[in-house]
Amino acid sequence: MKLISLSILFCLTFSNLYSQTIPTGFVKTNVITGLQYPVHFDVSADQRYFITQKGGNSSGSCANGKILVYSNSGALLSTFYDLTDSVQCDFERGLLGLALDPVFSSNHYVYAYYNHKYNSDERIRVVRFTESNNIGINPLIILDINVAESIAGNHVGGIIEFKPTDPQKLFITIGDLAKGQSLAADTSTNYADTKNTPYGKILRINTDGSIPTDNPFYDDGNVSSGNDDRIWSFGHRNIFGLCFNSSNGNMYAAENGYNKWDEVNFITPGKNYGWITCEGNYRYNSTSTLCDFANFTNPIAEFGTPLPGITGCLFYSSSVIPSLTNHLLIADNDNGRMYNLTLGNAPAYDIVTSNVQWADLTGSGEGGLTTIKQGPEGCIYAMNGGYTTTGKIYKICPSDLSLEENKSLANELGQNYPNPSSGNSMIDFTIAKTADVSITIYDETGRKLSCAYSQTTSSGTHTVQLNYPMDLKNGNYFYTMEVKENNTLVFTSTKRMLIIK
């Protein structure tokens, strides 16, 4: 692993695109574009996006296996960490899941799941970084699983999430490594139904990598003897979506099937979800013979052929979109669609009463969806990712939300902080309505030093990192923000900043 230095922001062109493939009364905006094989993202309280790129094959080696940080207005702030030199990105492997610690604002912990390979040593790892000025430092490996055999390269899972009601525990999905896929009668060839391996499981660990003693199969704390003490649930084929009810912590998982059924599961600790004996609500590779084993837990929803390859999972909990409150949203990677699952049996919400397509977000050749999240304002964010070199993050909001929320906003430029600054600092600014925004740095003589920011920016308050040439000497400098609507200057403001190194 190697650390990449902070990159300087250049003036960029950014545009908002709208689609007619979402429900009436909503608008879709591209907030981040130009991602290379993106897989997962999380958003900090100050609305920075932390994004994983799995890495793409280039002449037999991996490229761009990086964690990136973007501002909420879509500007690249930095390469948080570059794992290209050690990530195994072939097929479904790579730099996959990412999660910010629930108290990220105070401890600055960022967690990432990746497939490590150096020479012939292949491992599944979760590493914890400490964020410092948008850079990952002090990497600590908290999960390190030696993959001793040659694997097919798929079914490696890779999603990591925190449960809102259990914030000191990290949940990790690992697939069954595609072992014994066609031998349903011989479960010994598949890992999912075992308790002494981590494959085909949801795992639960502490944030320092230790094992919680209240895990359902905890015996001696040694994963090499008896049970794998990290197991939370088992009998899974390949989960690629994990989400929680923020009120009671109930867990849901989106799981890829084999030939007949993708499935959504309501996860209860210690339960067996049936793979490889069963698939969906039926026996392996069947559409007629029910899975009626008493020791298996059947899914709450299933998707039949052609299988959509379900991925992202979101329990929607905001009143901003009342029609989705306490519903489950599921994304797919084959078609770029999002499905609305109405949940019943409140407050457990452990049954599905209907399942309908809600949106179709990607066009032909653009790839599908990998991750969906709920934003702090109640909008829905969806990542167009996976096997695409033109990945992006969409923002889907009620069409009248921005008008209602921003009707009293005024254009405003904040003071950089910290000030004085010995390095790069941050700026908050507010835009009354969508406009072209630029921020330029000048010296005391009025000489232009750099273009720190240039974007078509949506209305609201934004935070960006003010990057400037690192060879600046101590002294006073100025930064100017200009706001243009239809190429007409409607606002300008200049502030002084002091650099002391």
Protein backbone atom coordinates (compact mmCIF):
# COMPACT_ATOMS: atom_id res chain seq x y z
CA MET A 1 0.00 0.00 0.00
CA LYS A 2 1.26 3.48 -0.72
CA LEU A 3 0.14 6.97 0.16
CA ILE A 4 -0.68 9.39 -2.62
CA SER A 5 -0.11 13.08 -2.00
CA LEU A 6 -2.98 15.54 -2.12
CA SER A 7 -3.76 16.65 -5.66
CA ILE A 8 -4.45 20.24 -6.65
CA LEU A 9 -7.93 21.05 -7.90
CA PHE A 10 -8.12 22.32 -11.44
CA CYS A 11 -10.97 24.19 -13.08
CA LEU A 12 -13.50 21.59 -14.21
CA THR A 13 -16.67 21.51 -16.24
CA PHE A 14 -19.71 20.02 -14.53
CA SER A 15 -23.27 19.66 -15.79
CA ASN A 16 -26.58 18.49 -14.41
CA LEU A 17 -28.42 15.89 -16.42
CA TYR A 18 -32.10 15.08 -16.11
CA SER A 19 -33.88 11.84 -16.94
CA GLN A 20 -37.46 10.89 -17.72
CA THR A 21 -37.06 7.40 -16.26
CA ILE A 22 -37.93 8.36 -12.69
CA PRO A 23 -41.38 8.83 -11.12
CA THR A 24 -43.39 11.95 -11.88
CA GLY A 25 -42.61 14.71 -9.39
CA PHE A 26 -38.91 13.87 -9.03
CA VAL A 27 -35.72 15.20 -10.59
CA LYS A 28 -32.45 13.32 -11.10
CA THR A 29 -29.13 15.18 -10.98
CA ASN A 30 -25.61 13.95 -11.65
CA VAL A 31 -23.61 15.15 -8.64
CA ILE A 32 -20.35 13.27 -9.36
CA THR A 33 -19.14 11.96 -12.71
CA GLY A 34 -16.05 10.41 -14.28
CA LEU A 35 -15.58 7.54 -11.82
CA GLN A 36 -13.56 4.46 -12.85
CA TYR A 37 -15.13 1.16 -11.73
CA PRO A 38 -16.75 2.67 -8.61
CA VAL A 39 -18.42 0.32 -6.14
CA HIS A 40 -19.41 1.94 -2.86
CA PHE A 41 -19.59 5.30 -1.13
CA ASP A 42 -20.45 6.96 2.15
CA VAL A 43 -21.16 10.59 2.99
CA SER A 44 -19.78 12.52 5.96
CA ALA A 45 -21.79 14.94 8.08
CA ASP A 46 -20.14 17.84 6.25
CA GLN A 47 -21.31 16.22 2.99
CA ARG A 48 -18.05 14.94 1.58
CA TYR A 49 -18.28 11.77 -0.53
CA PHE A 50 -15.81 8.95 0.18
CA ILE A 51 -15.79 6.60 -2.82
CA THR A 52 -14.12 3.27 -3.65
CA GLN A 53 -12.95 2.36 -7.15
CA LYS A 54 -12.47 -1.40 -7.42
CA GLY A 55 -9.62 -1.11 -9.90
CA GLY A 56 -9.76 -2.08 -13.56
CA ASN A 57 -7.58 -4.54 -15.39
CA SER A 58 -4.92 -2.99 -17.58
CA SER A 59 -2.61 -5.45 -19.39
CA GLY A 60 -3.05 -7.98 -16.60
CA SER A 61 -2.56 -5.52 -13.75
CA CYS A 62 -4.92 -3.34 -11.75
CA ALA A 63 -5.33 0.39 -12.25
CA ASN A 64 -7.12 3.07 -10.22
CA GLY A 65 -7.80 0.98 -7.14
CA LYS A 66 -8.28 4.11 -5.08
CA ILE A 67 -10.43 5.70 -2.39
CA LEU A 68 -11.40 9.20 -3.53
CA VAL A 69 -12.89 12.16 -1.69
CA TYR A 70 -15.28 14.61 -3.36
CA SER A 71 -17.01 17.72 -2.12
CA ASN A 72 -20.81 17.82 -2.02
CA SER A 73 -20.74 19.94 -5.16
CA GLY A 74 -18.86 17.29 -7.13
CA ALA A 75 -15.29 18.58 -6.94
CA LEU A 76 -12.49 16.05 -6.46
CA LEU A 77 -10.74 16.96 -3.21
CA SER A 78 -8.08 14.27 -3.06
CA THR A 79 -7.02 10.68 -3.47
CA PHE A 80 -7.68 9.51 0.08
CA TYR A 81 -5.61 6.34 -0.34
CA ASP A 82 -4.18 4.41 -3.29
CA LEU A 83 -4.28 0.61 -3.00
CA THR A 84 -3.48 -0.05 -6.65
CA ASP A 85 -0.16 -1.71 -5.87
CA SER A 86 -1.72 -4.43 -3.70
CA VAL A 87 -5.34 -4.84 -4.76
CA GLN A 88 -6.51 -7.91 -6.71
CA CYS A 89 -9.15 -6.45 -9.02
CA ASP A 90 -9.80 -9.34 -11.41
CA PHE A 91 -13.49 -10.17 -12.03
CA GLU A 92 -15.57 -9.26 -8.94
CA ARG A 93 -12.57 -8.75 -6.69
CA GLY A 94 -11.09 -5.38 -5.88
CA LEU A 95 -11.43 -2.39 -3.58
CA LEU A 96 -15.11 -2.78 -2.73
CA GLY A 97 -16.94 -1.70 0.42
CA LEU A 98 -16.47 1.49 2.44
CA ALA A 99 -17.99 2.85 5.63
CA LEU A 100 -17.42 5.92 7.76
CA ASP A 101 -17.37 5.39 11.51
CA PRO A 102 -20.65 6.53 13.15
CA VAL A 103 -18.59 9.10 15.09
CA PHE A 104 -16.38 9.98 12.12
CA SER A 105 -16.62 13.68 12.96
CA SER A 106 -14.62 13.05 16.14
CA ASN A 107 -12.43 9.99 15.42
CA HIS A 108 -12.10 10.38 11.61
CA TYR A 109 -12.10 6.61 11.02
CA VAL A 110 -12.75 5.28 7.51
CA TYR A 111 -13.06 1.54 6.83
CA ALA A 112 -12.49 -0.19 3.49
CA TYR A 113 -12.86 -3.80 2.28
CA TYR A 114 -10.53 -5.03 -0.43
CA ASN A 115 -9.09 -8.16 -2.00
CA HIS A 116 -5.36 -8.11 -1.36
CA LYS A 117 -2.83 -9.94 -3.48
CA TYR A 118 0.93 -9.73 -3.41
CA ASN A 119 2.71 -12.35 -5.52
CA SER A 120 0.70 -15.51 -4.71
CA ASP A 121 -0.59 -14.33 -1.33
CA GLU A 122 -4.33 -13.63 -1.66
CA ARG A 123 -6.28 -12.26 1.28
CA ILE A 124 -9.58 -10.60 2.14
CA ARG A 125 -8.98 -7.52 4.25
CA VAL A 126 -10.75 -4.71 6.02
CA VAL A 127 -8.47 -1.80 6.82
CA ARG A 128 -9.20 1.19 9.05
CA PHE A 129 -7.73 4.56 8.13
CA THR A 130 -7.66 7.83 10.02
CA GLU A 131 -8.72 10.79 7.87
CA SER A 132 -6.55 13.91 8.00
CA ASN A 133 -7.31 16.74 5.58
CA ASN A 134 -8.93 14.29 3.14
CA ILE A 135 -5.97 11.90 3.26
CA GLY A 136 -5.98 8.42 4.85
CA ILE A 137 -3.19 7.88 7.38
CA ASN A 138 -2.29 5.22 9.96
CA PRO A 139 -3.78 2.19 8.12
CA LEU A 140 -4.69 -0.59 10.54
CA ILE A 141 -5.77 -4.00 9.21
CA ILE A 142 -8.71 -5.15 11.37
CA LEU A 143 -9.76 -8.17 9.29
CA ASP A 144 -7.26 -10.37 7.47
CA ILE A 145 -8.49 -13.65 5.97
CA ASN A 146 -5.98 -15.83 4.14
CA VAL A 147 -7.61 -17.22 0.99
CA ALA A 148 -5.52 -20.36 0.81
CA GLU A 149 -6.94 -21.76 -2.42
CA SER A 150 -7.30 -20.46 -5.94
CA ILE A 151 -10.82 -19.03 -6.29
CA ALA A 152 -13.01 -18.26 -9.25
CA GLY A 153 -12.81 -14.54 -8.55
CA ASN A 154 -16.50 -13.93 -7.91
CA HIS A 155 -18.72 -14.21 -4.84
CA VAL A 156 -16.36 -12.26 -2.62
CA GLY A 157 -19.10 -10.04 -1.18
CA GLY A 158 -17.38 -6.94 0.08
CA ILE A 159 -20.03 -4.73 1.63
CA ILE A 160 -19.36 -3.23 5.06
CA GLU A 161 -21.88 -1.22 7.07
CA PHE A 162 -22.55 0.06 10.58
CA LYS A 163 -25.80 -0.68 12.35
CA PRO A 164 -27.26 2.57 13.76
CA THR A 165 -28.26 0.90 17.04
CA ASP A 166 -24.93 -0.95 17.40
CA PRO A 167 -22.41 1.72 16.38
CA GLN A 168 -19.27 0.05 17.72
CA LYS A 169 -19.67 -3.07 15.58
CA LEU A 170 -18.89 -3.44 11.88
CA PHE A 171 -20.90 -5.83 9.68
CA ILE A 172 -19.11 -7.45 6.73
CA THR A 173 -20.51 -9.57 3.89
CA ILE A 174 -18.37 -12.27 2.28
CA GLY A 175 -19.65 -14.50 -0.53
CA ASP A 176 -19.21 -18.26 -0.84
CA LEU A 177 -16.27 -17.85 -3.28
CA ALA A 178 -18.39 -19.62 -5.95
CA LYS A 179 -17.43 -22.97 -4.45
CA GLY A 180 -19.47 -26.00 -5.58
CA GLN A 181 -22.19 -23.99 -7.32
CA SER A 182 -23.71 -26.93 -9.23
CA LEU A 183 -23.72 -29.52 -6.43
CA ALA A 184 -26.81 -28.70 -4.41
CA ALA A 185 -27.09 -32.13 -2.86
CA ASP A 186 -23.53 -32.04 -1.49
CA THR A 187 -23.43 -29.04 0.81
CA SER A 188 -19.96 -30.05 2.02
CA THR A 189 -18.47 -28.63 -1.19
CA ASN A 190 -19.97 -25.20 -0.57
CA TYR A 191 -18.87 -22.96 2.28
CA ALA A 192 -22.16 -21.18 3.01
CA ASP A 193 -23.69 -23.88 5.22
CA THR A 194 -20.60 -24.29 7.41
CA LYS A 195 -19.82 -22.58 10.73
CA ASN A 196 -16.06 -22.94 10.63
CA THR A 197 -15.38 -20.70 7.61
CA PRO A 198 -16.12 -17.01 7.00
CA TYR A 199 -17.43 -17.55 3.45
CA GLY A 200 -21.11 -17.22 2.56
CA LYS A 201 -21.65 -15.25 5.76
CA ILE A 202 -22.36 -11.92 7.37
CA LEU A 203 -19.61 -11.27 9.91
CA ARG A 204 -19.68 -8.92 12.91
CA ILE A 205 -16.52 -7.53 14.50
CA ASN A 206 -15.53 -4.67 16.78
CA THR A 207 -14.02 -1.59 15.17
CA ASP A 208 -10.54 -2.60 16.35
CA GLY A 209 -10.89 -6.05 14.76
CA SER A 210 -11.61 -7.99 17.95
CA ILE A 211 -14.61 -10.33 18.13
CA PRO A 212 -17.75 -9.48 20.15
CA THR A 213 -18.46 -12.20 22.69
CA ASP A 214 -22.23 -11.88 22.11
CA ASN A 215 -21.99 -13.07 18.50
CA PRO A 216 -24.39 -16.04 18.05
CA PHE A 217 -21.70 -18.68 17.42
CA TYR A 218 -18.96 -17.35 19.67
CA ASP A 219 -17.21 -20.21 21.45
CA ASP A 220 -13.53 -19.62 22.22
CA GLY A 221 -12.60 -16.44 20.35
CA ASN A 222 -10.30 -18.41 18.07
CA VAL A 223 -11.56 -18.47 14.47
CA SER A 224 -9.24 -21.40 13.65
CA SER A 225 -10.89 -23.79 16.08
CA GLY A 226 -14.54 -24.67 16.49
CA ASN A 227 -16.87 -22.03 15.08
CA ASP A 228 -15.74 -18.93 13.24
CA ASP A 229 -16.72 -16.65 16.12
CA ARG A 230 -17.30 -13.68 13.79
CA ILE A 231 -20.37 -15.20 12.10
CA TRP A 232 -23.64 -13.26 12.45
CA SER A 233 -25.71 -15.22 9.89
CA PHE A 234 -24.91 -17.89 7.31
CA GLY A 235 -26.28 -19.78 4.30
CA HIS A 236 -25.67 -16.84 1.95
CA ARG A 237 -24.51 -17.04 -1.66
CA ASN A 238 -23.29 -13.50 -2.35
CA ILE A 239 -24.74 -10.48 -0.56
CA PHE A 240 -24.10 -7.14 -2.22
CA GLY A 241 -26.48 -4.88 -0.34
CA LEU A 242 -26.84 -4.40 3.41
CA CYS A 243 -29.06 -1.84 5.14
CA PHE A 244 -30.77 -1.09 8.44
CA ASN A 245 -33.91 0.41 9.91
CA SER A 246 -32.41 3.40 11.71
CA SER A 247 -35.08 3.26 14.43
CA ASN A 248 -34.81 -0.33 15.64
CA GLY A 249 -31.69 -1.60 13.86
CA ASN A 250 -33.43 -4.37 11.90
CA MET A 251 -31.21 -5.59 9.07
CA TYR A 252 -31.94 -6.36 5.41
CA ALA A 253 -29.70 -7.93 2.76
CA ALA A 254 -29.86 -8.07 -1.05
CA GLU A 255 -28.44 -11.38 -2.24
CA ASN A 256 -27.51 -12.59 -5.72
CA GLY A 257 -29.00 -15.95 -6.74
CA TYR A 258 -27.75 -18.71 -9.02
CA ASN A 259 -30.10 -19.44 -11.94
CA LYS A 260 -33.64 -18.85 -10.71
CA TRP A 261 -33.94 -16.32 -7.86
CA ASP A 262 -32.32 -13.23 -6.40
CA GLU A 263 -33.56 -12.65 -2.86
CA VAL A 264 -34.04 -10.03 -0.15
CA ASN A 265 -33.56 -11.32 3.37
CA PHE A 266 -34.61 -10.03 6.78
CA ILE A 267 -31.49 -10.84 8.80
CA THR A 268 -31.76 -12.34 12.28
CA PRO A 269 -28.56 -13.31 14.15
CA GLY A 270 -27.70 -17.00 14.05
CA LYS A 271 -30.13 -17.90 11.25
CA ASN A 272 -29.35 -20.07 8.22
CA TYR A 273 -30.65 -18.59 4.94
CA GLY A 274 -30.56 -21.84 3.03
CA TRP A 275 -27.91 -21.62 0.33
CA ILE A 276 -26.89 -24.00 -1.30
CA THR A 277 -29.87 -26.27 -0.61
CA CYS A 278 -32.39 -23.54 -1.40
CA GLU A 279 -32.58 -20.48 -3.63
CA GLY A 280 -35.31 -17.91 -3.07
CA ASN A 281 -38.40 -19.62 -1.57
CA TYR A 282 -37.67 -22.80 -3.52
CA ARG A 283 -35.28 -25.71 -3.60
CA TYR A 284 -32.03 -25.20 -5.46
CA ASN A 285 -32.57 -24.42 -9.17
CA SER A 286 -36.35 -24.89 -8.91
CA THR A 287 -39.42 -22.75 -9.51
CA SER A 288 -41.95 -25.24 -8.16
CA THR A 289 -40.56 -27.20 -5.20
CA LEU A 290 -40.79 -25.08 -2.07
CA CYS A 291 -37.93 -24.73 0.39
CA ASP A 292 -39.71 -26.14 3.43
CA PHE A 293 -36.84 -26.94 5.78
CA ALA A 294 -37.59 -25.89 9.34
CA ASN A 295 -34.00 -24.83 10.06
CA PHE A 296 -33.84 -22.43 7.10
CA THR A 297 -35.10 -18.85 6.97
CA ASN A 298 -36.74 -18.00 3.65
CA PRO A 299 -36.43 -14.57 1.99
CA ILE A 300 -39.04 -11.82 2.37
CA ALA A 301 -38.88 -11.03 -1.36
CA GLU A 302 -37.47 -12.64 -4.49
CA PHE A 303 -36.69 -11.62 -8.06
CA GLY A 304 -37.12 -14.23 -10.80
CA THR A 305 -35.46 -14.76 -14.16
CA PRO A 306 -33.96 -12.98 -15.89
CA LEU A 307 -32.13 -12.26 -12.63
CA PRO A 308 -31.46 -8.53 -12.19
CA GLY A 309 -28.35 -8.95 -9.99
CA ILE A 310 -29.66 -6.97 -7.00
CA THR A 311 -27.13 -4.82 -5.17
CA GLY A 312 -27.92 -1.64 -3.22
CA CYS A 313 -30.27 -1.69 -0.24
CA LEU A 314 -31.88 1.27 1.56
CA PHE A 315 -34.49 1.41 4.33
CA TYR A 316 -36.00 4.83 3.65
CA SER A 317 -36.83 6.72 6.85
CA SER A 318 -37.44 10.37 5.92
CA SER A 319 -40.77 12.18 5.62
CA VAL A 320 -39.44 14.13 2.62
CA ILE A 321 -40.80 11.39 0.35
CA PRO A 322 -43.87 10.18 2.29
CA SER A 323 -44.71 7.49 -0.25
CA LEU A 324 -41.40 5.75 0.56
CA THR A 325 -41.25 6.21 4.33
CA ASN A 326 -40.57 2.81 5.99
CA HIS A 327 -40.18 1.19 2.58
CA LEU A 328 -37.21 -0.79 1.33
CA LEU A 329 -35.46 0.32 -1.87
CA ILE A 330 -33.42 -2.27 -3.77
CA ALA A 331 -31.12 -1.52 -6.73
CA ASP A 332 -29.83 -3.81 -9.45
CA ASN A 333 -26.61 -3.95 -11.42
CA ASP A 334 -27.86 -5.63 -14.59
CA ASN A 335 -30.42 -2.99 -15.56
CA GLY A 336 -29.76 0.10 -13.42
CA ARG A 337 -33.23 -0.07 -11.87
CA MET A 338 -34.55 0.63 -8.40
CA TYR A 339 -37.43 -1.26 -6.80
CA ASN A 340 -39.87 -0.13 -4.12
CA LEU A 341 -40.68 -2.85 -1.58
CA THR A 342 -43.61 -2.00 0.70
CA LEU A 343 -42.96 -3.44 4.15
CA GLY A 344 -45.59 -4.70 6.57
CA ASN A 345 -45.90 -5.85 10.17
CA ALA A 346 -44.79 -2.58 11.77
CA PRO A 347 -42.64 -1.82 13.68
CA ALA A 348 -40.62 -4.93 12.78
CA TYR A 349 -41.21 -4.39 9.04
CA ASP A 350 -40.19 -7.99 8.41
CA ILE A 351 -42.55 -8.86 5.54
CA VAL A 352 -42.97 -7.48 2.01
CA THR A 353 -46.50 -6.78 0.82
CA SER A 354 -45.62 -5.48 -2.66
CA ASN A 355 -42.60 -5.11 -4.93
CA VAL A 356 -42.73 -2.70 -7.89
CA GLN A 357 -40.16 -1.01 -10.09
CA TRP A 358 -39.70 2.58 -8.93
CA ALA A 359 -37.08 3.99 -11.31
CA ASP A 360 -34.86 3.07 -14.27
CA LEU A 361 -31.78 5.21 -13.87
CA THR A 362 -29.13 4.23 -16.42
CA GLY A 363 -29.13 4.24 -20.18
CA SER A 364 -27.85 1.69 -22.66
CA GLY A 365 -24.19 0.87 -22.16
CA GLU A 366 -23.90 2.86 -18.94
CA GLY A 367 -23.84 -0.09 -16.52
CA GLY A 368 -26.01 -0.64 -13.48
CA LEU A 369 -26.24 0.42 -9.84
CA THR A 370 -24.11 -0.70 -6.93
CA THR A 371 -24.98 1.43 -3.89
CA ILE A 372 -27.91 3.55 -2.72
CA LYS A 373 -27.99 5.88 0.27
CA GLN A 374 -30.38 8.34 1.92
CA GLY A 375 -29.02 11.88 2.08
CA PRO A 376 -29.33 14.20 5.09
CA GLU A 377 -31.99 16.24 3.27
CA GLY A 378 -34.07 13.14 2.50
CA CYS A 379 -33.03 12.73 -1.13
CA ILE A 380 -31.87 9.39 -2.54
CA TYR A 381 -28.33 8.93 -3.82
CA ALA A 382 -27.51 6.08 -6.21
CA MET A 383 -24.13 5.02 -7.58
CA ASN A 384 -23.86 3.97 -11.22
CA GLY A 385 -20.89 1.66 -10.83
CA GLY A 386 -19.27 -1.72 -11.21
CA TYR A 387 -17.89 -2.53 -14.64
CA THR A 388 -18.01 0.99 -16.03
CA THR A 389 -15.40 3.64 -16.71
CA THR A 390 -18.04 6.39 -16.73
CA GLY A 391 -19.40 5.88 -13.22
CA LYS A 392 -21.38 8.55 -11.43
CA ILE A 393 -23.54 9.31 -8.42
CA TYR A 394 -27.13 10.41 -9.00
CA LYS A 395 -29.20 12.49 -6.61
CA ILE A 396 -32.98 11.97 -6.78
CA CYS A 397 -35.19 14.53 -5.04
CA PRO A 398 -38.80 15.66 -5.14
CA SER A 399 -38.88 18.32 -7.83
CA ASP A 400 -40.24 20.98 -5.46
CA LEU A 401 -37.78 20.26 -2.62
CA SER A 402 -35.06 22.71 -3.68
CA LEU A 403 -37.58 25.48 -4.29
CA GLU A 404 -39.13 25.06 -0.88
CA GLU A 405 -35.87 24.68 1.02
CA ASN A 406 -33.87 27.38 -0.73
CA LYS A 407 -36.41 30.13 -1.29
CA SER A 408 -34.80 32.31 1.41
CA LEU A 409 -31.15 31.59 0.49
CA ALA A 410 -28.76 34.32 -0.63
CA ASN A 411 -25.39 34.09 -2.33
CA GLU A 412 -22.67 34.23 0.31
CA LEU A 413 -18.95 33.48 0.64
CA GLY A 414 -17.57 32.35 3.99
CA GLN A 415 -14.18 32.91 5.57
CA ASN A 416 -11.70 30.10 5.02
CA TYR A 417 -10.91 27.98 8.06
CA PRO A 418 -8.53 27.60 9.74
CA ASN A 419 -7.28 31.12 9.24
CA PRO A 420 -4.33 31.67 9.54
CA SER A 421 -3.57 28.44 7.70
CA SER A 422 -0.35 26.48 7.34
CA GLY A 423 -1.81 24.23 4.68
CA ASN A 424 -4.98 23.70 2.70
CA SER A 425 -8.11 25.05 4.34
CA MET A 426 -11.89 24.80 3.86
CA ILE A 427 -14.50 27.28 2.64
CA ASP A 428 -18.27 27.30 3.07
CA PHE A 429 -20.36 29.16 0.50
CA THR A 430 -24.06 29.43 -0.27
CA ILE A 431 -25.75 29.66 -3.67
CA ALA A 432 -29.32 30.93 -4.00
CA LYS A 433 -30.02 28.85 -7.09
CA THR A 434 -28.13 26.66 -9.53
CA ALA A 435 -25.36 28.70 -11.16
CA ASP A 436 -21.77 28.61 -12.41
CA VAL A 437 -19.43 29.21 -9.48
CA SER A 438 -15.68 29.88 -9.55
CA ILE A 439 -13.24 30.59 -6.73
CA THR A 440 -9.86 32.09 -7.66
CA ILE A 441 -6.80 32.80 -5.48
CA TYR A 442 -4.75 36.00 -5.87
CA ASP A 443 -1.65 37.45 -4.24
CA GLU A 444 -1.52 40.94 -2.74
CA THR A 445 -0.62 42.49 -6.11
CA GLY A 446 -3.75 41.04 -7.73
CA ARG A 447 -1.84 38.38 -9.66
CA LYS A 448 -3.90 35.23 -10.23
CA LEU A 449 -2.30 32.19 -8.61
CA SER A 450 -4.76 29.36 -9.16
CA CYS A 451 -8.33 28.42 -9.96
CA ALA A 452 -9.38 26.59 -6.78
CA TYR A 453 -12.94 25.73 -7.82
CA SER A 454 -15.06 25.92 -10.97
CA GLN A 455 -18.37 24.06 -11.13
CA THR A 456 -21.98 24.36 -12.10
CA THR A 457 -23.31 24.18 -8.55
CA SER A 458 -26.77 23.45 -7.19
CA SER A 459 -28.50 25.78 -4.75
CA GLY A 460 -27.69 25.42 -1.06
CA THR A 461 -24.67 25.59 1.22
CA HIS A 462 -21.50 23.82 0.09
CA THR A 463 -18.09 23.07 1.56
CA VAL A 464 -14.96 22.79 -0.56
CA GLN A 465 -11.30 22.41 0.18
CA LEU A 466 -9.35 25.51 -0.83
CA ASN A 467 -6.25 24.05 -2.43
CA TYR A 468 -3.50 26.47 -3.37
CA PRO A 469 0.08 26.19 -4.62
CA MET A 470 2.19 24.60 -1.88
CA ASP A 471 5.15 26.95 -2.51
CA LEU A 472 3.30 30.05 -1.31
CA LYS A 473 5.32 32.13 1.12
CA ASN A 474 3.98 33.50 4.39
CA GLY A 475 1.72 36.48 3.91
CA ASN A 476 -1.69 37.79 2.95
CA TYR A 477 -3.61 36.41 -0.02
CA PHE A 478 -7.13 36.85 -1.38
CA TYR A 479 -9.76 34.54 -2.81
CA THR A 480 -12.69 35.69 -4.94
CA MET A 481 -15.94 33.91 -5.66
CA GLU A 482 -17.92 34.74 -8.80
CA VAL A 483 -21.45 33.49 -9.49
CA LYS A 484 -22.78 33.57 -13.05
CA GLU A 485 -26.29 32.80 -14.27
CA ASN A 486 -26.59 32.32 -18.03
CA ASN A 487 -23.06 33.76 -18.40
CA THR A 488 -24.09 36.92 -16.54
CA LEU A 489 -22.21 37.85 -13.36
CA VAL A 490 -24.76 38.12 -10.54
CA PHE A 491 -22.53 37.99 -7.45
CA THR A 492 -18.90 38.46 -6.49
CA SER A 493 -17.18 38.50 -3.11
CA THR A 494 -13.53 38.63 -2.00
CA LYS A 495 -11.98 37.65 1.33
CA ARG A 496 -8.48 37.80 2.75
CA MET A 497 -6.61 34.78 4.09
CA LEU A 498 -3.33 34.58 5.96
CA ILE A 499 -0.73 31.86 5.36
CA ILE A 500 1.78 31.11 8.12
CA LYS A 501 3.92 28.02 7.71
